[in-house]
Amino acid sequence: MGKKSESTQPTLSWADAPAEHDYPAAASFLRLIAAPALAESLSSLLSQAPLVHQAAKDILRAARLPLLPADDPEVAKDLKKVSKGTPLSPVLLVRGELRPDRALQIADGYHRVCASYHLDEDAEIPCRLVDPPAVSA
């Protein structure tokens, strides 16, 4: 998929801040890969983090996740929002680490990243990005 011609591509727009329901969704996901207290801490950090912009293709690569097809129900729902001019919610990310080979975590927004990629793989996606806390040995 990737880039589409400018004439047929709907305008991708983003909300100024993530939706309030994105933070509990992020915490729910993070509780699957981290202790509950850490998941809640990361969710809280995400709510305070500034927005940064990252390319859709780079987010997927760093997270080591496949591009979901445009007909995936959640991706299709986000693509429909874009075609209606509805801004998408910025995504919530927890930075990975090279040394322990830990991938970037898309705590909330995987389908929005995929929808954006289908429209333009180079699209700059607003994100809130936090570092996991240092683990003491």
C-alpha atoms as a PDB file:
ATOM      1  CA  MET A   1       0.000   0.000   0.000  1.00  0.00           C
ATOM      2  CA  GLY A   2       1.898   3.065   1.244  1.00  0.00           C
ATOM      3  CA  LYS A   3       1.520   6.409  -0.498  1.00  0.00           C
ATOM      4  CA  LYS A   4      -1.523   7.205  -2.576  1.00  0.00           C
ATOM      5  CA  SER A   5      -1.908  10.005  -5.050  1.00  0.00           C
ATOM      6  CA  GLU A   6      -2.648  13.402  -3.559  1.00  0.00           C
ATOM      7  CA  SER A   7      -5.874  13.786  -5.578  1.00  0.00           C
ATOM      8  CA  THR A   8      -7.576  10.701  -4.137  1.00  0.00           C
ATOM      9  CA  GLN A   9      -6.184  10.876  -0.621  1.00  0.00           C
ATOM     10  CA  PRO A  10      -8.457  12.252   2.103  1.00  0.00           C
ATOM     11  CA  THR A  11      -6.884  14.842   4.372  1.00  0.00           C
ATOM     12  CA  LEU A  12      -5.528  13.235   7.515  1.00  0.00           C
ATOM     13  CA  SER A  13      -6.107  15.362  10.593  1.00  0.00           C
ATOM     14  CA  TRP A  14      -5.299  14.819  14.237  1.00  0.00           C
ATOM     15  CA  ALA A  15      -6.846  16.024  17.469  1.00  0.00           C
ATOM     16  CA  ASP A  16      -4.767  18.316  19.670  1.00  0.00           C
ATOM     17  CA  ALA A  17      -4.677  15.752  22.485  1.00  0.00           C
ATOM     18  CA  PRO A  18      -5.490  12.079  22.999  1.00  0.00           C
ATOM     19  CA  ALA A  19      -9.064  11.250  24.017  1.00  0.00           C
ATOM     20  CA  GLU A  20      -9.526  10.723  27.755  1.00  0.00           C
ATOM     21  CA  HIS A  21     -10.565   7.084  27.166  1.00  0.00           C
ATOM     22  CA  ASP A  22      -7.194   6.399  25.484  1.00  0.00           C
ATOM     23  CA  TYR A  23      -5.337   6.460  28.815  1.00  0.00           C
ATOM     24  CA  PRO A  24      -7.333   3.658  30.496  1.00  0.00           C
ATOM     25  CA  ALA A  25      -7.055   1.687  27.222  1.00  0.00           C
ATOM     26  CA  ALA A  26      -3.280   2.175  27.302  1.00  0.00           C
ATOM     27  CA  ALA A  27      -3.126   1.088  30.951  1.00  0.00           C
ATOM     28  CA  SER A  28      -5.175  -2.014  30.145  1.00  0.00           C
ATOM     29  CA  PHE A  29      -2.719  -3.000  27.405  1.00  0.00           C
ATOM     30  CA  LEU A  30       0.324  -2.162  29.491  1.00  0.00           C
ATOM     31  CA  ARG A  31      -0.943  -4.358  32.375  1.00  0.00           C
ATOM     32  CA  LEU A  32      -0.472  -7.311  30.018  1.00  0.00           C
ATOM     33  CA  ILE A  33       3.258  -6.638  29.668  1.00  0.00           C
ATOM     34  CA  ALA A  34       4.102  -4.916  32.967  1.00  0.00           C
ATOM     35  CA  ALA A  35       3.083  -5.043  36.606  1.00  0.00           C
ATOM     36  CA  PRO A  36      -0.144  -3.121  37.316  1.00  0.00           C
ATOM     37  CA  ALA A  37       1.630  -0.369  39.284  1.00  0.00           C
ATOM     38  CA  LEU A  38       4.077   0.211  36.415  1.00  0.00           C
ATOM     39  CA  ALA A  39       1.240   0.205  33.880  1.00  0.00           C
ATOM     40  CA  GLU A  40      -0.624   2.864  35.854  1.00  0.00           C
ATOM     41  CA  SER A  41       2.563   4.905  36.266  1.00  0.00           C
ATOM     42  CA  LEU A  42       3.252   4.807  32.520  1.00  0.00           C
ATOM     43  CA  SER A  43      -0.349   5.763  31.753  1.00  0.00           C
ATOM     44  CA  SER A  44      -0.020   8.740  34.085  1.00  0.00           C
ATOM     45  CA  LEU A  45       3.285   9.751  32.460  1.00  0.00           C
ATOM     46  CA  LEU A  46       1.664   9.492  29.029  1.00  0.00           C
ATOM     47  CA  SER A  47      -1.098  11.895  30.088  1.00  0.00           C
ATOM     48  CA  GLN A  48       1.548  14.519  30.927  1.00  0.00           C
ATOM     49  CA  ALA A  49       3.986  13.957  28.047  1.00  0.00           C
ATOM     50  CA  PRO A  50       4.299  16.574  25.302  1.00  0.00           C
ATOM     51  CA  LEU A  51       3.251  15.750  21.764  1.00  0.00           C
ATOM     52  CA  VAL A  52       6.003  14.702  19.367  1.00  0.00           C
ATOM     53  CA  HIS A  53       5.624  13.689  15.731  1.00  0.00           C
ATOM     54  CA  GLN A  54       6.859  10.430  14.222  1.00  0.00           C
ATOM     55  CA  ALA A  55       6.375   8.902  10.775  1.00  0.00           C
ATOM     56  CA  ALA A  56       3.838   6.076  10.564  1.00  0.00           C
ATOM     57  CA  LYS A  57       6.384   3.744   8.948  1.00  0.00           C
ATOM     58  CA  ASP A  58       8.922   4.377  11.714  1.00  0.00           C
ATOM     59  CA  ILE A  59       6.404   3.692  14.481  1.00  0.00           C
ATOM     60  CA  LEU A  60       5.499   0.320  12.966  1.00  0.00           C
ATOM     61  CA  ARG A  61       9.152  -0.596  12.445  1.00  0.00           C
ATOM     62  CA  ALA A  62      10.183   0.395  15.973  1.00  0.00           C
ATOM     63  CA  ALA A  63       7.234  -1.502  17.441  1.00  0.00           C
ATOM     64  CA  ARG A  64       8.003  -4.504  15.216  1.00  0.00           C
ATOM     65  CA  LEU A  65       4.340  -4.771  14.342  1.00  0.00           C
ATOM     66  CA  PRO A  66       2.847  -5.679  10.977  1.00  0.00           C
ATOM     67  CA  LEU A  67       0.760  -3.262   8.971  1.00  0.00           C
ATOM     68  CA  LEU A  68      -2.845  -4.325   9.442  1.00  0.00           C
ATOM     69  CA  PRO A  69      -4.897  -4.442   6.221  1.00  0.00           C
ATOM     70  CA  ALA A  70      -7.173  -1.546   5.321  1.00  0.00           C
ATOM     71  CA  ASP A  71     -10.166  -3.877   5.694  1.00  0.00           C
ATOM     72  CA  ASP A  72      -9.339  -4.732   9.321  1.00  0.00           C
ATOM     73  CA  PRO A  73     -12.518  -3.580  11.140  1.00  0.00           C
ATOM     74  CA  GLU A  74     -10.753  -1.089  13.436  1.00  0.00           C
ATOM     75  CA  VAL A  75      -8.452   0.252  10.709  1.00  0.00           C
ATOM     76  CA  ALA A  76     -11.459   0.624   8.376  1.00  0.00           C
ATOM     77  CA  LYS A  77     -13.313   2.518  11.117  1.00  0.00           C
ATOM     78  CA  ASP A  78     -10.385   4.961  11.420  1.00  0.00           C
ATOM     79  CA  LEU A  79     -10.132   5.342   7.641  1.00  0.00           C
ATOM     80  CA  LYS A  80     -13.854   6.151   7.561  1.00  0.00           C
ATOM     81  CA  LYS A  81     -13.307   8.834  10.224  1.00  0.00           C
ATOM     82  CA  VAL A  82     -10.561  10.354   8.071  1.00  0.00           C
ATOM     83  CA  SER A  83     -12.808  10.355   4.988  1.00  0.00           C
ATOM     84  CA  LYS A  84     -15.468  12.201   7.025  1.00  0.00           C
ATOM     85  CA  GLY A  85     -12.891  14.760   8.199  1.00  0.00           C
ATOM     86  CA  THR A  86     -12.956  13.578  11.814  1.00  0.00           C
ATOM     87  CA  PRO A  87      -9.586  14.137  13.539  1.00  0.00           C
ATOM     88  CA  LEU A  88      -7.900  11.010  14.886  1.00  0.00           C
ATOM     89  CA  SER A  89      -6.609  10.838  18.439  1.00  0.00           C
ATOM     90  CA  PRO A  90      -2.809  11.042  18.856  1.00  0.00           C
ATOM     91  CA  VAL A  91      -1.179   7.726  19.741  1.00  0.00           C
ATOM     92  CA  LEU A  92       0.422   6.751  23.041  1.00  0.00           C
ATOM     93  CA  LEU A  93       3.885   5.179  22.931  1.00  0.00           C
ATOM     94  CA  VAL A  94       6.354   3.724  25.422  1.00  0.00           C
ATOM     95  CA  ARG A  95       9.905   3.877  24.107  1.00  0.00           C
ATOM     96  CA  GLY A  96      11.740   0.605  23.520  1.00  0.00           C
ATOM     97  CA  GLU A  97      15.376  -0.067  24.347  1.00  0.00           C
ATOM     98  CA  LEU A  98      18.124  -1.354  22.089  1.00  0.00           C
ATOM     99  CA  ARG A  99      20.305  -3.160  24.619  1.00  0.00           C
ATOM    100  CA  PRO A 100      17.654  -5.457  26.113  1.00  0.00           C
ATOM    101  CA  ASP A 101      16.073  -5.683  22.626  1.00  0.00           C
ATOM    102  CA  ARG A 102      12.743  -4.327  23.834  1.00  0.00           C
ATOM    103  CA  ALA A 103      10.525  -2.946  21.067  1.00  0.00           C
ATOM    104  CA  LEU A 104       8.574   0.282  21.167  1.00  0.00           C
ATOM    105  CA  GLN A 105       5.121  -0.333  22.644  1.00  0.00           C
ATOM    106  CA  ILE A 106       2.084   1.239  21.033  1.00  0.00           C
ATOM    107  CA  ALA A 107       0.096   1.514  24.242  1.00  0.00           C
ATOM    108  CA  ASP A 108      -2.887   2.935  22.354  1.00  0.00           C
ATOM    109  CA  GLY A 109      -3.357   3.721  18.679  1.00  0.00           C
ATOM    110  CA  TYR A 110      -2.083   0.745  16.654  1.00  0.00           C
ATOM    111  CA  HIS A 111      -5.090   0.861  14.333  1.00  0.00           C
ATOM    112  CA  ARG A 112      -4.734   4.625  13.892  1.00  0.00           C
ATOM    113  CA  VAL A 113      -1.065   4.170  12.937  1.00  0.00           C
ATOM    114  CA  CYS A 114      -2.048   1.533  10.366  1.00  0.00           C
ATOM    115  CA  ALA A 115      -4.852   3.717   8.960  1.00  0.00           C
ATOM    116  CA  SER A 116      -2.422   6.615   8.652  1.00  0.00           C
ATOM    117  CA  TYR A 117       0.148   4.386   6.932  1.00  0.00           C
ATOM    118  CA  HIS A 118      -2.438   3.295   4.358  1.00  0.00           C
ATOM    119  CA  LEU A 119      -2.994   6.949   3.485  1.00  0.00           C
ATOM    120  CA  ASP A 120       0.672   7.990   3.576  1.00  0.00           C
ATOM    121  CA  GLU A 121       3.493   5.906   5.057  1.00  0.00           C
ATOM    122  CA  ASP A 122       5.469   9.100   5.681  1.00  0.00           C
ATOM    123  CA  ALA A 123       2.595  10.803   7.528  1.00  0.00           C
ATOM    124  CA  GLU A 124       3.773  12.485  10.712  1.00  0.00           C
ATOM    125  CA  ILE A 125       1.647  11.160  13.562  1.00  0.00           C
ATOM    126  CA  PRO A 126       1.310  13.125  16.780  1.00  0.00           C
ATOM    127  CA  CYS A 127       2.305  10.927  19.709  1.00  0.00           C
ATOM    128  CA  ARG A 128       2.862  11.099  23.398  1.00  0.00           C
ATOM    129  CA  LEU A 129       6.087   9.184  24.006  1.00  0.00           C
ATOM    130  CA  VAL A 130       7.522   8.221  27.381  1.00  0.00           C
ATOM    131  CA  ASP A 131      10.527   6.272  28.552  1.00  0.00           C
ATOM    132  CA  PRO A 132      10.017   3.259  30.794  1.00  0.00           C
ATOM    133  CA  PRO A 133      11.410   3.927  34.271  1.00  0.00           C
ATOM    134  CA  ALA A 134      14.935   2.697  34.932  1.00  0.00           C
ATOM    135  CA  VAL A 135      15.006  -0.689  36.611  1.00  0.00           C
ATOM    136  CA  SER A 136      17.400  -0.870  39.541  1.00  0.00           C
ATOM    137  CA  ALA A 137      19.506  -4.003  39.761  1.00  0.00           C
END
